[in-house]
Amino acid sequence: MGKKIVSFKIKDEEFAFEIMKIVEVIKIKEITEVPTAPSFMEGIINLRGKIIPIIDLRKRFNLETKEKTKKNRIIIIEYQKNQLAGVIVDEVQKVLNIKKEEILPPPSTLVSAGGKYIEAIIKIEDRIIVLLNIEKIFTEEEKDDLAQIIKMEEDKIEKRTDS
C-alpha cells in the first residue's frame, strides 16, 4: 500500500510530509517573536485560540533565509500527540498518491550528512521528493523547549484575560 503526501518546495528542492501528520496549510500571517526561542524558531502564532510555534525549515536545514512571498505557506503539523507546530515552506505543491514501489530508503550518505530528518526518498518518473519524518524534525530537548514556550505564552494570555 502506498502513502498520501503533501509536497512542498524549499529552495529548489521538493520535500513532503505524510498527509496524516498535517493538520492544515495556512497563508503566512503575523508571527510574534519569542526572545527565548531556539534559533530555528521564527516565533508563535495564535491560531483560533491555540498557540503554535512557527519553525522556518530553511533555518532548520541551515539554508539561506529569504524574504517571505505570497507563495510561502505555513504547514501546521502534529509532531507528537496533541503537539502542533507550524513549518514555513517556500511553496506548497500538491497532494500526491505514492505507490509503495516509488518509496525508497534514504541513501546512507544522506543520513550521515544531516539527513536525520529524512524518512524516505520518493522517485516519481524523473522527480525526486524527500519525505521528511515529522517526529525527527525536533530533538527531545527541542520538543521540551517548544512545550515550555507554548505554556509560557498561554499563561501570558490567561493573565491578560483574567485581569
N, C-alpha and C. Protein backbone atom coordinates (compact mmCIF):
# COMPACT_ATOMS: atom_id res chain seq x y z
N MET A 1 0.83 -1.19 0.00
CA MET A 1 0.00 0.00 0.00
C MET A 1 0.87 1.25 0.00
N GLY A 2 0.44 2.27 -0.67
CA GLY A 2 1.22 3.50 -0.78
C GLY A 2 0.91 4.49 0.33
N LYS A 3 1.27 5.72 0.08
CA LYS A 3 1.05 6.81 1.04
C LYS A 3 0.47 7.99 0.32
N LYS A 4 -0.18 8.85 1.10
CA LYS A 4 -0.62 10.14 0.58
C LYS A 4 0.30 11.18 1.19
N ILE A 5 0.86 12.03 0.36
CA ILE A 5 1.79 13.04 0.86
C ILE A 5 1.39 14.42 0.34
N VAL A 6 1.89 15.44 1.03
CA VAL A 6 1.76 16.81 0.55
C VAL A 6 3.17 17.26 0.21
N SER A 7 3.38 17.62 -1.05
CA SER A 7 4.72 18.04 -1.46
C SER A 7 4.84 19.55 -1.39
N PHE A 8 6.07 20.00 -1.08
CA PHE A 8 6.33 21.43 -0.99
C PHE A 8 7.78 21.70 -1.37
N LYS A 9 8.06 22.98 -1.63
CA LYS A 9 9.41 23.36 -2.05
C LYS A 9 10.11 24.15 -0.97
N ILE A 10 11.40 23.90 -0.86
CA ILE A 10 12.31 24.74 -0.08
C ILE A 10 13.50 24.91 -1.00
N LYS A 11 13.82 26.15 -1.28
CA LYS A 11 14.83 26.48 -2.28
C LYS A 11 14.38 25.83 -3.58
N ASP A 12 15.22 24.99 -4.20
CA ASP A 12 14.79 24.36 -5.45
C ASP A 12 14.50 22.88 -5.25
N GLU A 13 14.46 22.46 -4.00
CA GLU A 13 14.24 21.05 -3.71
C GLU A 13 12.79 20.79 -3.37
N GLU A 14 12.34 19.57 -3.67
CA GLU A 14 10.97 19.19 -3.35
C GLU A 14 10.99 18.23 -2.16
N PHE A 15 10.17 18.57 -1.16
CA PHE A 15 10.06 17.77 0.06
C PHE A 15 8.60 17.39 0.24
N ALA A 16 8.33 16.56 1.24
CA ALA A 16 6.95 16.18 1.51
C ALA A 16 6.79 15.74 2.95
N PHE A 17 5.55 15.85 3.42
CA PHE A 17 5.13 15.28 4.70
C PHE A 17 4.01 14.31 4.39
N GLU A 18 3.88 13.28 5.23
CA GLU A 18 2.72 12.40 5.11
C GLU A 18 1.48 13.19 5.46
N ILE A 19 0.44 13.02 4.68
CA ILE A 19 -0.77 13.83 4.86
C ILE A 19 -1.42 13.62 6.23
N MET A 20 -1.28 12.44 6.80
CA MET A 20 -1.89 12.15 8.10
C MET A 20 -1.29 12.99 9.23
N LYS A 21 -0.10 13.52 9.02
CA LYS A 21 0.57 14.32 10.05
C LYS A 21 0.26 15.81 9.91
N ILE A 22 -0.42 16.17 8.82
CA ILE A 22 -0.70 17.58 8.56
C ILE A 22 -2.10 17.93 9.06
N VAL A 23 -2.16 19.02 9.82
CA VAL A 23 -3.45 19.47 10.34
C VAL A 23 -4.10 20.40 9.31
N GLU A 24 -3.32 21.37 8.83
CA GLU A 24 -3.82 22.28 7.79
C GLU A 24 -2.67 23.07 7.20
N VAL A 25 -2.96 23.76 6.10
CA VAL A 25 -1.98 24.64 5.45
C VAL A 25 -2.60 26.03 5.45
N ILE A 26 -1.84 27.02 5.95
CA ILE A 26 -2.35 28.39 6.01
C ILE A 26 -1.38 29.35 5.34
N LYS A 27 -1.90 30.53 5.00
CA LYS A 27 -1.03 31.57 4.47
C LYS A 27 -0.20 32.14 5.61
N ILE A 28 0.93 32.76 5.25
CA ILE A 28 1.78 33.40 6.25
C ILE A 28 0.97 34.48 6.95
N LYS A 29 1.07 34.53 8.26
CA LYS A 29 0.38 35.57 9.00
C LYS A 29 1.35 36.19 9.99
N GLU A 30 0.89 37.15 10.73
CA GLU A 30 1.73 37.84 11.72
C GLU A 30 2.33 36.83 12.70
N ILE A 31 3.64 36.82 12.79
CA ILE A 31 4.35 35.91 13.69
C ILE A 31 4.94 36.74 14.82
N THR A 32 4.61 36.38 16.06
CA THR A 32 5.13 37.09 17.23
C THR A 32 6.44 36.46 17.65
N GLU A 33 7.48 37.28 17.73
CA GLU A 33 8.79 36.76 18.14
C GLU A 33 8.78 36.42 19.62
N VAL A 34 9.55 35.39 19.97
CA VAL A 34 9.70 34.99 21.37
C VAL A 34 11.20 35.09 21.67
N PRO A 35 11.59 36.00 22.57
CA PRO A 35 13.03 36.24 22.81
C PRO A 35 13.81 34.99 23.23
N THR A 36 13.19 34.08 23.95
CA THR A 36 13.91 32.90 24.47
C THR A 36 13.87 31.72 23.50
N ALA A 37 13.33 31.91 22.32
CA ALA A 37 13.12 30.80 21.38
C ALA A 37 14.44 30.30 20.78
N PRO A 38 14.47 29.01 20.41
CA PRO A 38 15.65 28.48 19.70
C PRO A 38 15.83 29.20 18.36
N SER A 39 17.04 29.17 17.83
CA SER A 39 17.37 29.97 16.63
C SER A 39 16.54 29.62 15.40
N PHE A 40 16.12 28.36 15.27
CA PHE A 40 15.36 27.96 14.08
C PHE A 40 13.88 28.34 14.18
N MET A 41 13.48 28.84 15.33
CA MET A 41 12.07 29.18 15.53
C MET A 41 11.83 30.65 15.21
N GLU A 42 10.85 30.90 14.34
CA GLU A 42 10.51 32.27 13.95
C GLU A 42 9.74 32.99 15.04
N GLY A 43 8.94 32.23 15.78
CA GLY A 43 8.09 32.82 16.80
C GLY A 43 6.83 31.98 16.96
N ILE A 44 5.74 32.65 17.33
CA ILE A 44 4.49 31.93 17.54
C ILE A 44 3.34 32.63 16.83
N ILE A 45 2.29 31.88 16.56
CA ILE A 45 1.05 32.49 16.07
C ILE A 45 -0.08 32.00 16.97
N ASN A 46 -1.16 32.75 16.94
CA ASN A 46 -2.36 32.35 17.65
C ASN A 46 -3.33 31.89 16.56
N LEU A 47 -3.58 30.60 16.52
CA LEU A 47 -4.46 30.04 15.51
C LEU A 47 -5.74 29.58 16.20
N ARG A 48 -6.78 30.37 16.04
CA ARG A 48 -8.07 30.07 16.68
C ARG A 48 -7.92 29.75 18.16
N GLY A 49 -7.16 30.60 18.86
CA GLY A 49 -7.02 30.45 20.31
C GLY A 49 -5.94 29.47 20.75
N LYS A 50 -5.25 28.86 19.82
CA LYS A 50 -4.20 27.91 20.17
C LYS A 50 -2.84 28.51 19.79
N ILE A 51 -1.91 28.47 20.74
CA ILE A 51 -0.56 28.99 20.49
C ILE A 51 0.23 27.93 19.72
N ILE A 52 0.79 28.34 18.58
CA ILE A 52 1.53 27.40 17.73
C ILE A 52 2.91 27.96 17.42
N PRO A 53 3.97 27.23 17.80
CA PRO A 53 5.32 27.66 17.45
C PRO A 53 5.54 27.53 15.94
N ILE A 54 6.25 28.51 15.37
CA ILE A 54 6.49 28.51 13.92
C ILE A 54 7.99 28.32 13.67
N ILE A 55 8.28 27.33 12.85
CA ILE A 55 9.66 26.98 12.53
C ILE A 55 9.90 27.28 11.06
N ASP A 56 11.04 27.89 10.76
CA ASP A 56 11.41 28.13 9.37
C ASP A 56 12.28 26.94 8.93
N LEU A 57 11.77 26.14 8.00
CA LEU A 57 12.54 24.97 7.57
C LEU A 57 13.86 25.34 6.91
N ARG A 58 13.91 26.53 6.29
CA ARG A 58 15.19 26.97 5.71
C ARG A 58 16.24 27.09 6.82
N LYS A 59 15.84 27.71 7.95
CA LYS A 59 16.78 27.84 9.07
C LYS A 59 17.12 26.47 9.64
N ARG A 60 16.09 25.63 9.75
CA ARG A 60 16.28 24.29 10.32
C ARG A 60 17.31 23.51 9.52
N PHE A 61 17.29 23.67 8.19
CA PHE A 61 18.20 22.93 7.32
C PHE A 61 19.46 23.73 7.00
N ASN A 62 19.69 24.82 7.74
CA ASN A 62 20.86 25.68 7.54
C ASN A 62 20.97 26.21 6.12
N LEU A 63 19.85 26.60 5.56
CA LEU A 63 19.84 27.22 4.23
C LEU A 63 19.67 28.73 4.41
N GLU A 64 20.06 29.49 3.38
CA GLU A 64 19.89 30.94 3.47
C GLU A 64 18.39 31.26 3.60
N THR A 65 18.08 32.23 4.46
CA THR A 65 16.68 32.63 4.57
C THR A 65 16.43 33.74 3.56
N LYS A 66 15.19 33.88 3.16
CA LYS A 66 14.88 34.94 2.19
C LYS A 66 13.56 35.59 2.56
N GLU A 67 13.32 36.74 1.94
CA GLU A 67 12.07 37.46 2.18
C GLU A 67 10.88 36.56 1.90
N LYS A 68 9.87 36.67 2.73
CA LYS A 68 8.65 35.87 2.52
C LYS A 68 7.88 36.45 1.32
N THR A 69 7.26 35.56 0.57
CA THR A 69 6.47 35.98 -0.59
C THR A 69 5.04 35.48 -0.43
N LYS A 70 4.21 35.79 -1.42
CA LYS A 70 2.81 35.33 -1.39
C LYS A 70 2.72 33.82 -1.51
N LYS A 71 3.78 33.19 -2.04
CA LYS A 71 3.76 31.74 -2.21
C LYS A 71 4.08 30.99 -0.92
N ASN A 72 4.76 31.65 0.03
CA ASN A 72 5.09 30.99 1.29
C ASN A 72 3.83 30.50 1.99
N ARG A 73 3.95 29.38 2.66
CA ARG A 73 2.85 28.82 3.42
C ARG A 73 3.37 28.31 4.76
N ILE A 74 2.45 28.20 5.70
CA ILE A 74 2.76 27.55 6.98
C ILE A 74 1.99 26.24 6.98
N ILE A 75 2.72 25.14 7.10
CA ILE A 75 2.07 23.83 7.21
C ILE A 75 1.99 23.52 8.70
N ILE A 76 0.76 23.37 9.19
CA ILE A 76 0.58 23.03 10.60
C ILE A 76 0.66 21.51 10.71
N ILE A 77 1.66 21.05 11.49
CA ILE A 77 1.90 19.61 11.63
C ILE A 77 1.71 19.19 13.08
N GLU A 78 1.41 17.91 13.26
CA GLU A 78 1.37 17.34 14.61
C GLU A 78 2.67 16.55 14.76
N TYR A 79 3.62 17.09 15.54
CA TYR A 79 4.93 16.44 15.63
C TYR A 79 5.00 15.42 16.75
N GLN A 80 4.06 15.48 17.68
CA GLN A 80 3.84 14.39 18.62
C GLN A 80 2.41 14.55 19.11
N LYS A 81 1.91 13.57 19.83
CA LYS A 81 0.49 13.56 20.20
C LYS A 81 0.03 14.90 20.76
N ASN A 82 -0.94 15.50 20.10
CA ASN A 82 -1.54 16.78 20.51
C ASN A 82 -0.57 17.96 20.56
N GLN A 83 0.60 17.83 19.97
CA GLN A 83 1.56 18.93 19.92
C GLN A 83 1.66 19.41 18.48
N LEU A 84 1.31 20.68 18.28
CA LEU A 84 1.33 21.23 16.92
C LEU A 84 2.48 22.21 16.76
N ALA A 85 2.96 22.30 15.54
CA ALA A 85 3.93 23.33 15.17
C ALA A 85 3.62 23.74 13.74
N GLY A 86 4.00 24.94 13.40
CA GLY A 86 3.86 25.42 12.04
C GLY A 86 5.22 25.42 11.38
N VAL A 87 5.28 25.00 10.15
CA VAL A 87 6.53 24.92 9.41
C VAL A 87 6.41 25.82 8.19
N ILE A 88 7.30 26.80 8.09
CA ILE A 88 7.27 27.71 6.93
C ILE A 88 8.00 27.04 5.77
N VAL A 89 7.30 26.96 4.62
CA VAL A 89 7.90 26.42 3.40
C VAL A 89 7.78 27.48 2.30
N ASP A 90 8.59 27.34 1.26
CA ASP A 90 8.58 28.33 0.18
C ASP A 90 7.28 28.29 -0.61
N GLU A 91 6.76 27.07 -0.80
CA GLU A 91 5.58 26.93 -1.64
C GLU A 91 5.04 25.51 -1.48
N VAL A 92 3.72 25.38 -1.29
CA VAL A 92 3.12 24.05 -1.23
C VAL A 92 2.78 23.65 -2.66
N GLN A 93 3.17 22.44 -3.03
CA GLN A 93 2.94 21.95 -4.39
C GLN A 93 1.56 21.31 -4.49
N LYS A 94 1.46 20.02 -4.11
CA LYS A 94 0.17 19.35 -4.20
C LYS A 94 0.14 18.07 -3.37
N VAL A 95 -1.06 17.51 -3.29
CA VAL A 95 -1.24 16.22 -2.63
C VAL A 95 -0.97 15.14 -3.67
N LEU A 96 -0.17 14.16 -3.30
CA LEU A 96 0.17 13.09 -4.23
C LEU A 96 -0.12 11.73 -3.61
N ASN A 97 -0.58 10.81 -4.42
CA ASN A 97 -0.72 9.41 -4.01
C ASN A 97 0.54 8.69 -4.47
N ILE A 98 1.25 8.13 -3.53
CA ILE A 98 2.53 7.49 -3.83
C ILE A 98 2.36 5.97 -3.76
N LYS A 99 2.86 5.29 -4.78
CA LYS A 99 2.83 3.82 -4.77
C LYS A 99 4.01 3.31 -3.94
N LYS A 100 3.83 2.15 -3.35
CA LYS A 100 4.86 1.58 -2.49
C LYS A 100 6.21 1.47 -3.20
N GLU A 101 6.17 1.10 -4.48
CA GLU A 101 7.43 0.91 -5.22
C GLU A 101 8.15 2.23 -5.53
N GLU A 102 7.47 3.36 -5.34
CA GLU A 102 8.11 4.67 -5.56
C GLU A 102 8.84 5.17 -4.31
N ILE A 103 8.67 4.46 -3.19
CA ILE A 103 9.27 4.87 -1.92
C ILE A 103 10.57 4.10 -1.71
N LEU A 104 11.67 4.83 -1.63
CA LEU A 104 12.99 4.21 -1.46
C LEU A 104 13.59 4.63 -0.12
N PRO A 105 14.41 3.75 0.48
CA PRO A 105 15.08 4.16 1.72
C PRO A 105 16.08 5.28 1.41
N PRO A 106 16.30 6.18 2.38
CA PRO A 106 17.27 7.25 2.11
C PRO A 106 18.68 6.67 1.98
N PRO A 107 19.49 7.18 1.04
CA PRO A 107 20.87 6.68 0.91
C PRO A 107 21.65 6.94 2.20
N SER A 108 22.51 6.02 2.57
CA SER A 108 23.25 6.14 3.84
C SER A 108 24.11 7.40 3.86
N THR A 109 24.62 7.82 2.70
CA THR A 109 25.43 9.05 2.65
C THR A 109 24.60 10.26 3.06
N LEU A 110 23.34 10.25 2.70
CA LEU A 110 22.44 11.36 3.03
C LEU A 110 22.12 11.38 4.52
N VAL A 111 21.95 10.20 5.09
CA VAL A 111 21.58 10.10 6.50
C VAL A 111 22.69 10.67 7.38
N SER A 112 23.95 10.41 7.02
CA SER A 112 25.05 10.92 7.84
C SER A 112 25.25 12.42 7.65
N ALA A 113 24.91 12.96 6.50
CA ALA A 113 25.13 14.38 6.22
C ALA A 113 23.91 15.22 6.57
N GLY A 114 23.50 15.17 7.83
CA GLY A 114 22.38 16.00 8.26
C GLY A 114 21.04 15.50 7.75
N GLY A 115 21.01 14.29 7.25
CA GLY A 115 19.77 13.77 6.70
C GLY A 115 18.92 13.04 7.72
N LYS A 116 19.14 13.34 9.00
CA LYS A 116 18.41 12.61 10.05
C LYS A 116 16.91 12.88 10.00
N TYR A 117 16.50 13.93 9.31
CA TYR A 117 15.07 14.26 9.20
C TYR A 117 14.39 13.47 8.10
N ILE A 118 15.17 12.74 7.32
CA ILE A 118 14.64 12.09 6.12
C ILE A 118 14.09 10.71 6.43
N GLU A 119 12.85 10.49 6.03
CA GLU A 119 12.22 9.18 6.21
C GLU A 119 12.43 8.30 4.99
N ALA A 120 12.29 8.90 3.80
CA ALA A 120 12.43 8.13 2.57
C ALA A 120 12.67 9.08 1.40
N ILE A 121 13.05 8.49 0.30
CA ILE A 121 13.17 9.22 -0.96
C ILE A 121 12.06 8.69 -1.86
N ILE A 122 11.33 9.60 -2.47
CA ILE A 122 10.25 9.19 -3.37
C ILE A 122 10.67 9.52 -4.79
N LYS A 123 10.62 8.50 -5.64
CA LYS A 123 11.03 8.70 -7.03
C LYS A 123 9.81 8.49 -7.92
N ILE A 124 9.35 9.59 -8.51
CA ILE A 124 8.22 9.52 -9.44
C ILE A 124 8.73 9.98 -10.80
N GLU A 125 8.80 9.06 -11.74
CA GLU A 125 9.36 9.35 -13.05
C GLU A 125 10.72 10.02 -12.87
N ASP A 126 10.88 11.29 -13.31
CA ASP A 126 12.19 11.93 -13.17
C ASP A 126 12.26 12.86 -11.97
N ARG A 127 11.25 12.81 -11.10
CA ARG A 127 11.24 13.67 -9.91
C ARG A 127 11.73 12.92 -8.69
N ILE A 128 12.44 13.63 -7.84
CA ILE A 128 12.87 13.10 -6.55
C ILE A 128 12.23 13.99 -5.48
N ILE A 129 11.51 13.37 -4.56
CA ILE A 129 10.90 14.10 -3.45
C ILE A 129 11.44 13.50 -2.16
N VAL A 130 11.89 14.37 -1.26
CA VAL A 130 12.42 13.91 0.02
C VAL A 130 11.27 13.90 1.03
N LEU A 131 10.94 12.71 1.52
CA LEU A 131 9.89 12.59 2.53
C LEU A 131 10.51 12.81 3.90
N LEU A 132 10.02 13.84 4.60
CA LEU A 132 10.58 14.18 5.90
C LEU A 132 9.82 13.46 7.01
N ASN A 133 10.56 13.08 8.03
CA ASN A 133 9.98 12.44 9.20
C ASN A 133 9.67 13.51 10.23
N ILE A 134 8.40 13.81 10.41
CA ILE A 134 8.00 14.90 11.31
C ILE A 134 8.49 14.67 12.73
N GLU A 135 8.45 13.43 13.19
CA GLU A 135 8.88 13.15 14.57
C GLU A 135 10.36 13.47 14.79
N LYS A 136 11.14 13.42 13.72
CA LYS A 136 12.59 13.64 13.87
C LYS A 136 13.03 15.07 13.59
N ILE A 137 12.08 15.94 13.25
CA ILE A 137 12.46 17.33 12.96
C ILE A 137 12.96 18.02 14.23
N PHE A 138 12.45 17.59 15.38
CA PHE A 138 12.90 18.17 16.65
C PHE A 138 13.53 17.10 17.52
N THR A 139 14.59 17.48 18.22
CA THR A 139 15.17 16.57 19.21
C THR A 139 14.23 16.57 20.42
N GLU A 140 14.42 15.64 21.33
CA GLU A 140 13.58 15.59 22.55
C GLU A 140 13.72 16.90 23.32
N GLU A 141 14.95 17.40 23.38
CA GLU A 141 15.22 18.66 24.10
C GLU A 141 14.45 19.82 23.45
N GLU A 142 14.46 19.86 22.12
CA GLU A 142 13.74 20.92 21.41
C GLU A 142 12.23 20.81 21.61
N LYS A 143 11.72 19.57 21.65
CA LYS A 143 10.30 19.36 21.90
C LYS A 143 9.94 19.93 23.28
N ASP A 144 10.82 19.69 24.26
CA ASP A 144 10.60 20.24 25.62
C ASP A 144 10.62 21.76 25.58
N ASP A 145 11.59 22.34 24.85
CA ASP A 145 11.69 23.80 24.72
C ASP A 145 10.40 24.37 24.12
N LEU A 146 9.92 23.74 23.06
CA LEU A 146 8.70 24.21 22.40
C LEU A 146 7.51 24.14 23.36
N ALA A 147 7.42 23.03 24.09
CA ALA A 147 6.32 22.87 25.05
C ALA A 147 6.36 23.97 26.11
N GLN A 148 7.58 24.30 26.58
CA GLN A 148 7.73 25.36 27.59
C GLN A 148 7.32 26.71 27.03
N ILE A 149 7.74 27.00 25.81
CA ILE A 149 7.40 28.28 25.17
C ILE A 149 5.89 28.40 25.01
N ILE A 150 5.26 27.33 24.55
CA ILE A 150 3.80 27.34 24.37
C ILE A 150 3.13 27.60 25.71
N LYS A 151 3.59 26.91 26.76
CA LYS A 151 2.98 27.07 28.08
C LYS A 151 3.15 28.51 28.58
N MET A 152 4.36 29.06 28.42
CA MET A 152 4.62 30.45 28.85
C MET A 152 3.69 31.42 28.16
N GLU A 153 3.55 31.26 26.84
CA GLU A 153 2.71 32.17 26.07
C GLU A 153 1.24 32.00 26.42
N GLU A 154 0.81 30.76 26.65
CA GLU A 154 -0.58 30.53 27.06
C GLU A 154 -0.86 31.15 28.42
N ASP A 155 0.14 31.05 29.33
CA ASP A 155 -0.01 31.67 30.66
C ASP A 155 -0.14 33.18 30.55
N LYS A 156 0.65 33.78 29.65
CA LYS A 156 0.57 35.24 29.45
C LYS A 156 -0.84 35.63 29.00
N ILE A 157 -1.38 34.87 28.06
CA ILE A 157 -2.71 35.16 27.53
C ILE A 157 -3.76 35.01 28.65
N GLU A 158 -3.60 33.95 29.45
CA GLU A 158 -4.53 33.73 30.57
C GLU A 158 -4.51 34.90 31.54
N LYS A 159 -3.30 35.39 31.85
CA LYS A 159 -3.17 36.52 32.79
C LYS A 159 -3.88 37.75 32.24
N ARG A 160 -3.73 37.97 30.91
CA ARG A 160 -4.38 39.12 30.28
C ARG A 160 -5.90 39.01 30.36
N THR A 161 -6.42 37.82 30.17
CA THR A 161 -7.87 37.66 30.18
C THR A 161 -8.43 37.64 31.61
N ASP A 162 -7.57 37.31 32.59
CA ASP A 162 -8.01 37.32 34.00
C ASP A 162 -8.16 38.73 34.53
N SER A 163 -7.27 39.64 34.10
CA SER A 163 -7.27 40.99 34.68
C SER A 163 -8.31 41.89 34.09
